[in-house]
PDB file of N, CA and C in Angstrom:
ATOM      1  N   MET A   1      60.284 250.254 158.517  1.00  0.00           N
ATOM      2  CA  MET A   1      60.456 250.483 157.099  1.00  0.00           C
ATOM      3  C   MET A   1      61.834 250.006 156.655  1.00  0.00           C
ATOM      4  N   LEU A   2      62.857 250.377 157.418  1.00  0.00           N
ATOM      5  CA  LEU A   2      64.214 249.959 157.079  1.00  0.00           C
ATOM      6  C   LEU A   2      64.329 248.440 157.104  1.00  0.00           C
ATOM      7  N   SER A   3      63.633 247.827 158.052  1.00  0.00           N
ATOM      8  CA  SER A   3      63.658 246.374 158.155  1.00  0.00           C
ATOM      9  C   SER A   3      63.101 245.713 156.892  1.00  0.00           C
ATOM     10  N   MET A   4      62.050 246.312 156.335  1.00  0.00           N
ATOM     11  CA  MET A   4      61.459 245.763 155.122  1.00  0.00           C
ATOM     12  C   MET A   4      62.462 245.811 153.969  1.00  0.00           C
ATOM     13  N   PHE A   5      63.194 246.930 153.867  1.00  0.00           N
ATOM     14  CA  PHE A   5      64.198 247.057 152.809  1.00  0.00           C
ATOM     15  C   PHE A   5      65.341 246.077 153.009  1.00  0.00           C
ATOM     16  N   SER A   6      65.763 245.890 154.261  1.00  0.00           N
ATOM     17  CA  SER A   6      66.861 244.956 154.505  1.00  0.00           C
ATOM     18  C   SER A   6      66.412 243.516 154.250  1.00  0.00           C
ATOM     19  N   GLN A   7      65.141 243.212 154.530  1.00  0.00           N
ATOM     20  CA  GLN A   7      64.629 241.875 154.232  1.00  0.00           C
ATOM     21  C   GLN A   7      64.590 241.638 152.725  1.00  0.00           C
ATOM     22  N   THR A   8      64.158 242.648 151.983  1.00  0.00           N
ATOM     23  CA  THR A   8      64.127 242.533 150.523  1.00  0.00           C
ATOM     24  C   THR A   8      65.535 242.371 149.977  1.00  0.00           C
ATOM     25  N   ALA A   9      66.472 243.150 150.505  1.00  0.00           N
ATOM     26  CA  ALA A   9      67.865 243.057 150.057  1.00  0.00           C
ATOM     27  C   ALA A   9      68.435 241.676 150.360  1.00  0.00           C
ATOM     28  N   GLN A  10      68.141 241.150 151.539  1.00  0.00           N
ATOM     29  CA  GLN A  10      68.624 239.817 151.916  1.00  0.00           C
ATOM     30  C   GLN A  10      68.016 238.750 151.010  1.00  0.00           C
ATOM     31  N   ARG A  11      66.720 238.864 150.753  1.00  0.00           N
ATOM     32  CA  ARG A  11      66.047 237.912 149.863  1.00  0.00           C
ATOM     33  C   ARG A  11      66.654 237.970 148.460  1.00  0.00           C
ATOM     34  N   ASP A  12      66.926 239.193 147.978  1.00  0.00           N
ATOM     35  CA  ASP A  12      67.540 239.345 146.658  1.00  0.00           C
ATOM     36  C   ASP A  12      68.933 238.723 146.617  1.00  0.00           C
ATOM     37  N   ARG A  13      69.719 238.893 147.686  1.00  0.00           N
ATOM     38  CA  ARG A  13      71.059 238.279 147.727  1.00  0.00           C
ATOM     39  C   ARG A  13      70.960 236.759 147.655  1.00  0.00           C
ATOM     40  N   GLU A  14      70.020 236.202 148.395  1.00  0.00           N
ATOM     41  CA  GLU A  14      69.822 234.749 148.375  1.00  0.00           C
ATOM     42  C   GLU A  14      69.356 234.287 146.992  1.00  0.00           C
ATOM     43  N   THR A  15      68.473 235.052 146.390  1.00  0.00           N
ATOM     44  CA  THR A  15      67.981 234.720 145.049  1.00  0.00           C
ATOM     45  C   THR A  15      69.112 234.789 144.037  1.00  0.00           C
ATOM     46  N   LEU A  16      69.946 235.826 144.128  1.00  0.00           N
ATOM     47  CA  LEU A  16      71.084 235.957 143.213  1.00  0.00           C
ATOM     48  C   LEU A  16      72.033 234.773 143.346  1.00  0.00           C
ATOM     49  N   ALA A  17      72.276 234.334 144.567  1.00  0.00           N
ATOM     50  CA  ALA A  17      73.156 233.182 144.786  1.00  0.00           C
ATOM     51  C   ALA A  17      72.556 231.923 144.159  1.00  0.00           C
ATOM     52  N   HIS A  18      71.252 231.765 144.305  1.00  0.00           N
ATOM     53  CA  HIS A  18      70.580 230.598 143.720  1.00  0.00           C
ATOM     54  C   HIS A  18      70.600 230.674 142.192  1.00  0.00           C
ATOM     55  N   ILE A  19      70.369 231.866 141.647  1.00  0.00           N
ATOM     56  CA  ILE A  19      70.423 232.057 140.193  1.00  0.00           C
ATOM     57  C   ILE A  19      71.821 231.721 139.681  1.00  0.00           C
ATOM     58  N   GLU A  20      72.833 232.177 140.397  1.00  0.00           N
ATOM     59  CA  GLU A  20      74.219 231.897 139.991  1.00  0.00           C
ATOM     60  C   GLU A  20      74.466 230.393 139.905  1.00  0.00           C
ATOM     61  N   THR A  21      74.045 229.664 140.922  1.00  0.00           N
ATOM     62  CA  THR A  21      74.228 228.209 140.945  1.00  0.00           C
ATOM     63  C   THR A  21      73.503 227.544 139.776  1.00  0.00           C
ATOM     64  N   LEU A  22      72.265 227.939 139.547  1.00  0.00           N
ATOM     65  CA  LEU A  22      71.485 227.331 138.458  1.00  0.00           C
ATOM     66  C   LEU A  22      72.057 227.668 137.088  1.00  0.00           C
ATOM     67  N   LEU A  23      72.553 228.888 136.911  1.00  0.00           N
ATOM     68  CA  LEU A  23      73.170 229.250 135.630  1.00  0.00           C
ATOM     69  C   LEU A  23      74.417 228.410 135.378  1.00  0.00           C
ATOM     70  N   GLU A  24      75.217 228.213 136.429  1.00  0.00           N
ATOM     71  CA  GLU A  24      76.416 227.384 136.284  1.00  0.00           C
ATOM     72  C   GLU A  24      76.035 225.948 135.906  1.00  0.00           C
ATOM     73  N   GLU A  25      74.955 225.438 136.507  1.00  0.00           N
ATOM     74  CA  GLU A  25      74.494 224.082 136.190  1.00  0.00           C
ATOM     75  C   GLU A  25      73.897 224.002 134.785  1.00  0.00           C
ATOM     76  N   LEU A  26      73.288 225.074 134.318  1.00  0.00           N
ATOM     77  CA  LEU A  26      72.664 225.101 132.993  1.00  0.00           C
ATOM     78  C   LEU A  26      73.702 225.084 131.881  1.00  0.00           C
ATOM     79  N   TRP A  27      74.878 225.615 132.145  1.00  0.00           N
ATOM     80  CA  TRP A  27      75.899 225.729 131.108  1.00  0.00           C
ATOM     81  C   TRP A  27      76.261 224.362 130.516  1.00  0.00           C
ATOM     82  N   GLY A  28      76.435 223.348 131.338  1.00  0.00           N
ATOM     83  CA  GLY A  28      76.837 222.022 130.859  1.00  0.00           C
ATOM     84  C   GLY A  28      75.862 221.418 129.852  1.00  0.00           C
ATOM     85  N   PRO A  29      74.571 221.295 130.222  1.00  0.00           N
ATOM     86  CA  PRO A  29      73.612 220.750 129.252  1.00  0.00           C
ATOM     87  C   PRO A  29      73.492 221.604 127.988  1.00  0.00           C
ATOM     88  N   MET A  30      73.543 222.921 128.142  1.00  0.00           N
ATOM     89  CA  MET A  30      73.460 223.781 126.956  1.00  0.00           C
ATOM     90  C   MET A  30      74.672 223.586 126.056  1.00  0.00           C
ATOM     91  N   ARG A  31      75.844 223.464 126.656  1.00  0.00           N
ATOM     92  CA  ARG A  31      77.065 223.264 125.870  1.00  0.00           C
ATOM     93  C   ARG A  31      76.980 221.939 125.117  1.00  0.00           C
ATOM     94  N   PHE A  32      76.529 220.877 125.797  1.00  0.00           N
ATOM     95  CA  PHE A  32      76.381 219.568 125.160  1.00  0.00           C
ATOM     96  C   PHE A  32      75.444 219.658 123.959  1.00  0.00           C
ATOM     97  N   LEU A  33      74.271 220.269 124.155  1.00  0.00           N
ATOM     98  CA  LEU A  33      73.289 220.370 123.074  1.00  0.00           C
ATOM     99  C   LEU A  33      73.815 221.210 121.916  1.00  0.00           C
ATOM    100  N   ALA A  34      74.494 222.309 122.218  1.00  0.00           N
ATOM    101  CA  ALA A  34      75.045 223.166 121.159  1.00  0.00           C
ATOM    102  C   ALA A  34      76.138 222.432 120.385  1.00  0.00           C
ATOM    103  N   ASP A  35      77.006 221.728 121.103  1.00  0.00           N
ATOM    104  CA  ASP A  35      78.078 220.981 120.434  1.00  0.00           C
ATOM    105  C   ASP A  35      77.511 219.864 119.561  1.00  0.00           C
ATOM    106  N   LEU A  36      76.507 219.174 120.067  1.00  0.00           N
ATOM    107  CA  LEU A  36      75.879 218.106 119.291  1.00  0.00           C
ATOM    108  C   LEU A  36      75.238 218.675 118.021  1.00  0.00           C
ATOM    109  N   ASN A  37      74.539 219.793 118.159  1.00  0.00           N
ATOM    110  CA  ASN A  37      73.920 220.427 116.986  1.00  0.00           C
ATOM    111  C   ASN A  37      74.965 220.882 115.978  1.00  0.00           C
ATOM    112  N   ALA A  38      76.116 221.317 116.460  1.00  0.00           N
ATOM    113  CA  ALA A  38      77.169 221.810 115.567  1.00  0.00           C
ATOM    114  C   ALA A  38      77.778 220.684 114.732  1.00  0.00           C
ATOM    115  N   VAL A  39      77.943 219.508 115.330  1.00  0.00           N
ATOM    116  CA  VAL A  39      78.604 218.414 114.606  1.00  0.00           C
ATOM    117  C   VAL A  39      77.628 217.476 113.903  1.00  0.00           C
ATOM    118  N   TRP A  40      76.361 217.539 114.259  1.00  0.00           N
ATOM    119  CA  TRP A  40      75.378 216.596 113.726  1.00  0.00           C
ATOM    120  C   TRP A  40      75.413 216.478 112.203  1.00  0.00           C
ATOM    121  N   PRO A  41      75.436 217.591 111.467  1.00  0.00           N
ATOM    122  CA  PRO A  41      75.429 217.478 110.002  1.00  0.00           C
ATOM    123  C   PRO A  41      76.645 216.737 109.430  1.00  0.00           C
ATOM    124  N   SER A  42      77.758 216.776 110.133  1.00  0.00           N
ATOM    125  CA  SER A  42      78.971 216.144 109.607  1.00  0.00           C
ATOM    126  C   SER A  42      79.122 214.678 110.027  1.00  0.00           C
ATOM    127  N   LEU A  43      78.225 214.178 110.847  1.00  0.00           N
ATOM    128  CA  LEU A  43      78.315 212.789 111.302  1.00  0.00           C
ATOM    129  C   LEU A  43      77.798 211.831 110.235  1.00  0.00           C
ATOM    130  N   THR A  44      78.376 210.660 110.242  1.00  0.00           N
ATOM    131  CA  THR A  44      77.887 209.612 109.336  1.00  0.00           C
ATOM    132  C   THR A  44      76.575 209.059 109.891  1.00  0.00           C
ATOM    133  N   ALA A  45      75.856 208.351 109.056  1.00  0.00           N
ATOM    134  CA  ALA A  45      74.595 207.732 109.484  1.00  0.00           C
ATOM    135  C   ALA A  45      74.843 206.771 110.644  1.00  0.00           C
ATOM    136  N   GLU A  46      75.957 206.064 110.585  1.00  0.00           N
ATOM    137  CA  GLU A  46      76.298 205.115 111.651  1.00  0.00           C
ATOM    138  C   GLU A  46      76.553 205.853 112.972  1.00  0.00           C
ATOM    139  N   GLN A  47      77.285 206.959 112.906  1.00  0.00           N
ATOM    140  CA  GLN A  47      77.560 207.738 114.116  1.00  0.00           C
ATOM    141  C   GLN A  47      76.273 208.322 114.696  1.00  0.00           C
ATOM    142  N   ARG A  48      75.414 208.815 113.838  1.00  0.00           N
ATOM    143  CA  ARG A  48      74.134 209.359 114.307  1.00  0.00           C
ATOM    144  C   ARG A  48      73.303 208.279 114.987  1.00  0.00           C
ATOM    145  N   LYS A  49      73.275 207.105 114.371  1.00  0.00           N
ATOM    146  CA  LYS A  49      72.501 205.997 114.937  1.00  0.00           C
ATOM    147  C   LYS A  49      73.046 205.616 116.313  1.00  0.00           C
ATOM    148  N   GLU A  50      74.369 205.562 116.430  1.00  0.00           N
ATOM    149  CA  GLU A  50      74.993 205.222 117.710  1.00  0.00           C
ATOM    150  C   GLU A  50      74.609 206.243 118.784  1.00  0.00           C
ATOM    151  N   ILE A  51      74.642 207.512 118.428  1.00  0.00           N
ATOM    152  CA  ILE A  51      74.266 208.561 119.380  1.00  0.00           C
ATOM    153  C   ILE A  51      72.789 208.448 119.732  1.00  0.00           C
ATOM    154  N   GLU A  52      71.949 208.276 118.722  1.00  0.00           N
ATOM    155  CA  GLU A  52      70.506 208.187 118.954  1.00  0.00           C
ATOM    156  C   GLU A  52      70.128 206.996 119.820  1.00  0.00           C
ATOM    157  N   GLU A  53      70.922 205.939 119.761  1.00  0.00           N
ATOM    158  CA  GLU A  53      70.639 204.750 120.557  1.00  0.00           C
ATOM    159  C   GLU A  53      71.216 204.829 121.968  1.00  0.00           C
ATOM    160  N   SER A  54      72.016 205.824 122.230  1.00  0.00           N
ATOM    161  CA  SER A  54      72.586 205.957 123.574  1.00  0.00           C
ATOM    162  C   SER A  54      71.488 206.367 124.554  1.00  0.00           C
ATOM    163  N   ARG A  55      71.618 205.922 125.766  1.00  0.00           N
ATOM    164  CA  ARG A  55      70.607 206.201 126.788  1.00  0.00           C
ATOM    165  C   ARG A  55      70.461 207.694 127.031  1.00  0.00           C
ATOM    166  N   THR A  56      71.576 208.401 127.112  1.00  0.00           N
ATOM    167  CA  THR A  56      71.541 209.842 127.362  1.00  0.00           C
ATOM    168  C   THR A  56      70.742 210.558 126.289  1.00  0.00           C
ATOM    169  N   TYR A  57      70.961 210.189 125.050  1.00  0.00           N
ATOM    170  CA  TYR A  57      70.243 210.830 123.948  1.00  0.00           C
ATOM    171  C   TYR A  57      68.762 210.444 123.962  1.00  0.00           C
ATOM    172  N   ARG A  58      68.486 209.155 124.112  1.00  0.00           N
ATOM    173  CA  ARG A  58      67.095 208.677 124.101  1.00  0.00           C
ATOM    174  C   ARG A  58      66.261 209.329 125.197  1.00  0.00           C
ATOM    175  N   GLU A  59      66.845 209.453 126.362  1.00  0.00           N
ATOM    176  CA  GLU A  59      66.112 210.007 127.501  1.00  0.00           C
ATOM    177  C   GLU A  59      66.096 211.534 127.489  1.00  0.00           C
ATOM    178  N   GLN A  60      66.790 212.115 126.510  1.00  0.00           N
ATOM    179  CA  GLN A  60      66.838 213.581 126.417  1.00  0.00           C
ATOM    180  C   GLN A  60      67.303 214.197 127.743  1.00  0.00           C
ATOM    181  N   HIS A  61      68.248 213.512 128.374  1.00  0.00           N
ATOM    182  CA  HIS A  61      68.732 213.915 129.695  1.00  0.00           C
ATOM    183  C   HIS A  61      69.178 215.378 129.730  1.00  0.00           C
ATOM    184  N   HIS A  62      70.005 215.776 128.787  1.00  0.00           N
ATOM    185  CA  HIS A  62      70.529 217.143 128.792  1.00  0.00           C
ATOM    186  C   HIS A  62      69.421 218.166 128.561  1.00  0.00           C
ATOM    187  N   ARG A  63      68.503 217.849 127.673  1.00  0.00           N
ATOM    188  CA  ARG A  63      67.383 218.765 127.400  1.00  0.00           C
ATOM    189  C   ARG A  63      66.498 218.915 128.638  1.00  0.00           C
ATOM    190  N   HIS A  64      66.194 217.813 129.306  1.00  0.00           N
ATOM    191  CA  HIS A  64      65.357 217.882 130.507  1.00  0.00           C
ATOM    192  C   HIS A  64      66.042 218.686 131.609  1.00  0.00           C
ATOM    193  N   LEU A  65      67.343 218.471 131.785  1.00  0.00           N
ATOM    194  CA  LEU A  65      68.081 219.256 132.778  1.00  0.00           C
ATOM    195  C   LEU A  65      68.009 220.743 132.461  1.00  0.00           C
ATOM    196  N   ALA A  66      68.239 221.078 131.212  1.00  0.00           N
ATOM    197  CA  ALA A  66      68.214 222.481 130.800  1.00  0.00           C
ATOM    198  C   ALA A  66      66.822 223.073 130.990  1.00  0.00           C
ATOM    199  N   GLU A  67      65.799 222.363 130.562  1.00  0.00           N
ATOM    200  CA  GLU A  67      64.430 222.876 130.681  1.00  0.00           C
ATOM    201  C   GLU A  67      64.037 223.108 132.130  1.00  0.00           C
ATOM    202  N   GLU A  68      64.411 222.197 133.014  1.00  0.00           N
ATOM    203  CA  GLU A  68      64.096 222.356 134.434  1.00  0.00           C
ATOM    204  C   GLU A  68      64.837 223.560 135.012  1.00  0.00           C
ATOM    205  N   SER A  69      66.100 223.705 134.673  1.00  0.00           N
ATOM    206  CA  SER A  69      66.866 224.866 135.146  1.00  0.00           C
ATOM    207  C   SER A  69      66.258 226.163 134.637  1.00  0.00           C
ATOM    208  N   VAL A  70      65.854 226.180 133.391  1.00  0.00           N
ATOM    209  CA  VAL A  70      65.250 227.384 132.805  1.00  0.00           C
ATOM    210  C   VAL A  70      63.964 227.740 133.548  1.00  0.00           C
ATOM    211  N   ARG A  71      63.127 226.752 133.829  1.00  0.00           N
ATOM    212  CA  ARG A  71      61.880 227.021 134.574  1.00  0.00           C
ATOM    213  C   ARG A  71      62.186 227.641 135.938  1.00  0.00           C
ATOM    214  N   GLN A  72      63.135 227.053 136.638  1.00  0.00           N
ATOM    215  CA  GLN A  72      63.489 227.567 137.957  1.00  0.00           C
ATOM    216  C   GLN A  72      64.086 228.970 137.866  1.00  0.00           C
ATOM    217  N   LEU A  73      64.926 229.188 136.868  1.00  0.00           N
ATOM    218  CA  LEU A  73      65.566 230.492 136.711  1.00  0.00           C
ATOM    219  C   LEU A  73      64.562 231.588 136.376  1.00  0.00           C
ATOM    220  N   VAL A  74      63.586 231.289 135.545  1.00  0.00           N
ATOM    221  CA  VAL A  74      62.551 232.285 135.225  1.00  0.00           C
ATOM    222  C   VAL A  74      61.816 232.681 136.499  1.00  0.00           C
ATOM    223  N   THR A  75      61.430 231.699 137.282  1.00  0.00           N
ATOM    224  CA  THR A  75      60.722 231.971 138.535  1.00  0.00           C
ATOM    225  C   THR A  75      61.578 232.817 139.466  1.00  0.00           C
ATOM    226  N   LEU A  76      62.830 232.451 139.620  1.00  0.00           N
ATOM    227  CA  LEU A  76      63.724 233.200 140.507  1.00  0.00           C
ATOM    228  C   LEU A  76      63.962 234.618 140.004  1.00  0.00           C
ATOM    229  N   ALA A  77      64.219 234.760 138.720  1.00  0.00           N
ATOM    230  CA  ALA A  77      64.492 236.092 138.169  1.00  0.00           C
ATOM    231  C   ALA A  77      63.303 237.018 138.388  1.00  0.00           C
ATOM    232  N   GLU A  78      62.115 236.478 138.277  1.00  0.00           N
ATOM    233  CA  GLU A  78      60.920 237.296 138.469  1.00  0.00           C
ATOM    234  C   GLU A  78      60.717 237.705 139.920  1.00  0.00           C
ATOM    235  N   THR A  79      61.388 237.038 140.856  1.00  0.00           N
ATOM    236  CA  THR A  79      61.248 237.408 142.267  1.00  0.00           C
ATOM    237  C   THR A  79      62.212 238.509 142.680  1.00  0.00           C
ATOM    238  N   LEU A  80      63.184 238.833 141.838  1.00  0.00           N
ATOM    239  CA  LEU A  80      64.096 239.934 142.163  1.00  0.00           C
ATOM    240  C   LEU A  80      63.310 241.236 142.123  1.00  0.00           C
ATOM    241  N   LYS A  81      63.214 241.903 143.243  1.00  0.00           N
ATOM    242  CA  LYS A  81      62.356 243.083 143.340  1.00  0.00           C
ATOM    243  C   LYS A  81      63.123 244.400 143.310  1.00  0.00           C
ATOM    244  N   SER A  82      64.355 244.375 143.718  1.00  0.00           N
ATOM    245  CA  SER A  82      65.129 245.608 143.831  1.00  0.00           C
ATOM    246  C   SER A  82      65.322 246.274 142.469  1.00  0.00           C
ATOM    247  N   TYR A  83      65.176 247.588 142.455  1.00  0.00           N
ATOM    248  CA  TYR A  83      65.363 248.348 141.214  1.00  0.00           C
ATOM    249  C   TYR A  83      66.779 248.169 140.674  1.00  0.00           C
ATOM    250  N   LYS A  84      67.751 248.044 141.575  1.00  0.00           N
ATOM    251  CA  LYS A  84      69.143 247.920 141.117  1.00  0.00           C
ATOM    252  C   LYS A  84      69.393 246.613 140.358  1.00  0.00           C
ATOM    253  N   HIS A  85      68.490 245.655 140.495  1.00  0.00           N
ATOM    254  CA  HIS A  85      68.628 244.379 139.784  1.00  0.00           C
ATOM    255  C   HIS A  85      67.762 244.310 138.527  1.00  0.00           C
ATOM    256  N   ARG A  86      67.111 245.406 138.181  1.00  0.00           N
ATOM    257  CA  ARG A  86      66.178 245.421 137.047  1.00  0.00           C
ATOM    258  C   ARG A  86      66.854 244.997 135.748  1.00  0.00           C
ATOM    259  N   THR A  87      68.013 245.575 135.449  1.00  0.00           N
ATOM    260  CA  THR A  87      68.712 245.255 134.204  1.00  0.00           C
ATOM    261  C   THR A  87      69.132 243.789 134.183  1.00  0.00           C
ATOM    262  N   LEU A  88      69.665 243.311 135.292  1.00  0.00           N
ATOM    263  CA  LEU A  88      70.061 241.902 135.388  1.00  0.00           C
ATOM    264  C   LEU A  88      68.848 240.998 135.198  1.00  0.00           C
ATOM    265  N   ARG A  89      67.767 241.319 135.876  1.00  0.00           N
ATOM    266  CA  ARG A  89      66.542 240.522 135.763  1.00  0.00           C
ATOM    267  C   ARG A  89      66.086 240.454 134.303  1.00  0.00           C
ATOM    268  N   GLN A  90      66.085 241.599 133.631  1.00  0.00           N
ATOM    269  CA  GLN A  90      65.662 241.639 132.230  1.00  0.00           C
ATOM    270  C   GLN A  90      66.599 240.822 131.343  1.00  0.00           C
ATOM    271  N   GLU A  91      67.899 240.932 131.593  1.00  0.00           N
ATOM    272  CA  GLU A  91      68.873 240.196 130.787  1.00  0.00           C
ATOM    273  C   GLU A  91      68.712 238.687 130.966  1.00  0.00           C
ATOM    274  N   VAL A  92      68.516 238.264 132.206  1.00  0.00           N
ATOM    275  CA  VAL A  92      68.345 236.833 132.484  1.00  0.00           C
ATOM    276  C   VAL A  92      67.065 236.316 131.831  1.00  0.00           C
ATOM    277  N   VAL A  93      65.968 237.036 132.010  1.00  0.00           N
ATOM    278  CA  VAL A  93      64.689 236.590 131.443  1.00  0.00           C
ATOM    279  C   VAL A  93      64.756 236.565 129.919  1.00  0.00           C
ATOM    280  N   GLU A  94      65.376 237.577 129.321  1.00  0.00           N
ATOM    281  CA  GLU A  94      65.513 237.611 127.859  1.00  0.00           C
ATOM    282  C   GLU A  94      66.331 236.416 127.355  1.00  0.00           C
ATOM    283  N   PHE A  95      67.428 236.123 128.041  1.00  0.00           N
ATOM    284  CA  PHE A  95      68.256 234.973 127.681  1.00  0.00           C
ATOM    285  C   PHE A  95      67.452 233.675 127.786  1.00  0.00           C
ATOM    286  N   LEU A  96      66.697 233.538 128.859  1.00  0.00           N
ATOM    287  CA  LEU A  96      65.953 232.305 129.100  1.00  0.00           C
ATOM    288  C   LEU A  96      64.819 232.102 128.101  1.00  0.00           C
ATOM    289  N   ARG A  97      64.250 233.189 127.621  1.00  0.00           N
ATOM    290  CA  ARG A  97      63.170 233.072 126.624  1.00  0.00           C
ATOM    291  C   ARG A  97      63.661 232.377 125.356  1.00  0.00           C
ATOM    292  N   SER A  98      64.921 232.588 125.032  1.00  0.00           N
ATOM    293  CA  SER A  98      65.450 232.026 123.781  1.00  0.00           C
ATOM    294  C   SER A  98      66.658 231.128 124.036  1.00  0.00           C
ATOM    295  N   TRP A  99      66.683 230.468 125.171  1.00  0.00           N
ATOM    296  CA  TRP A  99      67.854 229.686 125.569  1.00  0.00           C
ATOM    297  C   TRP A  99      68.241 228.632 124.536  1.00  0.00           C
ATOM    298  N   GLU A 100      67.283 228.092 123.819  1.00  0.00           N
ATOM    299  CA  GLU A 100      67.594 227.024 122.859  1.00  0.00           C
ATOM    300  C   GLU A 100      68.417 227.522 121.672  1.00  0.00           C
ATOM    301  N   THR A 101      68.331 228.800 121.376  1.00  0.00           N
ATOM    302  CA  THR A 101      69.091 229.352 120.250  1.00  0.00           C
ATOM    303  C   THR A 101      70.260 230.219 120.707  1.00  0.00           C
ATOM    304  N   GLU A 102      70.391 230.418 121.996  1.00  0.00           N
ATOM    305  CA  GLU A 102      71.482 231.233 122.534  1.00  0.00           C
ATOM    306  C   GLU A 102      72.777 230.425 122.589  1.00  0.00           C
ATOM    307  N   GLU A 103      73.878 231.127 122.499  1.00  0.00           N
ATOM    308  CA  GLU A 103      75.194 230.512 122.672  1.00  0.00           C
ATOM    309  C   GLU A 103      75.380 230.240 124.167  1.00  0.00           C
ATOM    310  N   PRO A 104      75.728 229.017 124.563  1.00  0.00           N
ATOM    311  CA  PRO A 104      75.886 228.699 125.983  1.00  0.00           C
ATOM    312  C   PRO A 104      76.869 229.616 126.712  1.00  0.00           C
ATOM    313  N   ASP A 105      77.881 230.099 126.010  1.00  0.00           N
ATOM    314  CA  ASP A 105      78.871 230.947 126.674  1.00  0.00           C
ATOM    315  C   ASP A 105      78.301 232.291 127.105  1.00  0.00           C
ATOM    316  N   LYS A 106      77.109 232.631 126.646  1.00  0.00           N
ATOM    317  CA  LYS A 106      76.470 233.862 127.121  1.00  0.00           C
ATOM    318  C   LYS A 106      76.188 233.755 128.615  1.00  0.00           C
ATOM    319  N   ILE A 107      76.055 232.535 129.104  1.00  0.00           N
ATOM    320  CA  ILE A 107      75.871 232.326 130.541  1.00  0.00           C
ATOM    321  C   ILE A 107      77.049 232.922 131.303  1.00  0.00           C
ATOM    322  N   LYS A 108      78.257 232.761 130.773  1.00  0.00           N
ATOM    323  CA  LYS A 108      79.447 233.298 131.439  1.00  0.00           C
ATOM    324  C   LYS A 108      79.364 234.817 131.545  1.00  0.00           C
ATOM    325  N   VAL A 109      78.851 235.464 130.512  1.00  0.00           N
ATOM    326  CA  VAL A 109      78.687 236.921 130.522  1.00  0.00           C
ATOM    327  C   VAL A 109      77.665 237.319 131.584  1.00  0.00           C
ATOM    328  N   ILE A 110      76.542 236.615 131.600  1.00  0.00           N
ATOM    329  CA  ILE A 110      75.499 236.913 132.588  1.00  0.00           C
ATOM    330  C   ILE A 110      76.022 236.673 134.001  1.00  0.00           C
ATOM    331  N   LEU A 111      76.794 235.612 134.184  1.00  0.00           N
ATOM    332  CA  LEU A 111      77.378 235.344 135.507  1.00  0.00           C
ATOM    333  C   LEU A 111      78.298 236.478 135.941  1.00  0.00           C
ATOM    334  N   GLY A 112      79.067 237.030 135.007  1.00  0.00           N
ATOM    335  CA  GLY A 112      79.930 238.165 135.332  1.00  0.00           C
ATOM    336  C   GLY A 112      79.124 239.359 135.807  1.00  0.00           C
ATOM    337  N   VAL A 113      78.042 239.643 135.123  1.00  0.00           N
ATOM    338  CA  VAL A 113      77.163 240.752 135.518  1.00  0.00           C
ATOM    339  C   VAL A 113      76.533 240.448 136.870  1.00  0.00           C
ATOM    340  N   LEU A 114      76.075 239.225 137.048  1.00  0.00           N
ATOM    341  CA  LEU A 114      75.443 238.828 138.298  1.00  0.00           C
ATOM    342  C   LEU A 114      76.402 238.985 139.476  1.00  0.00           C
ATOM    343  N   ARG A 115      77.638 238.594 139.285  1.00  0.00           N
ATOM    344  CA  ARG A 115      78.616 238.669 140.387  1.00  0.00           C
ATOM    345  C   ARG A 115      78.919 240.107 140.781  1.00  0.00           C
ATOM    346  N   LYS A 116      78.744 241.040 139.870  1.00  0.00           N
ATOM    347  CA  LYS A 116      78.902 242.460 140.217  1.00  0.00           C
ATOM    348  C   LYS A 116      77.790 242.919 141.152  1.00  0.00           C
ATOM    349  N   HIS A 117      76.643 242.267 141.076  1.00  0.00           N
ATOM    350  CA  HIS A 117      75.488 242.657 141.882  1.00  0.00           C
ATOM    351  C   HIS A 117      75.541 242.096 143.300  1.00  0.00           C
ATOM    352  N   HIS A 118      76.394 241.133 143.551  1.00  0.00           N
ATOM    353  CA  HIS A 118      76.499 240.545 144.907  1.00  0.00           C
ATOM    354  C   HIS A 118      77.101 241.542 145.849  1.00  0.00           C
TER     355      HIS A 118
END
């Protein structure tokens, strides 16, 4: 019985470490998208066209990175089984449900909470 609990605890620690890495990676694309959305209205038509014609923008590179990270994070968060991680799991899943409208710096807050759980 104790072995089962220690295996679950070990799995949760590994999952938390993976979640931490993915959250750190998600911050960059989210920050880029948020910054672009913030300045978009003030850009000239020429500046917008230049951005839209850039490969990064055309390929939606940042959006694809963020979406893939979000998919992986949802799956990982749902695998956290320990009761002590319930609040963290809920916070991560809630953030991920609305990641497109969330402030990217909220990731830093979640990372702080996550690091307390290690």
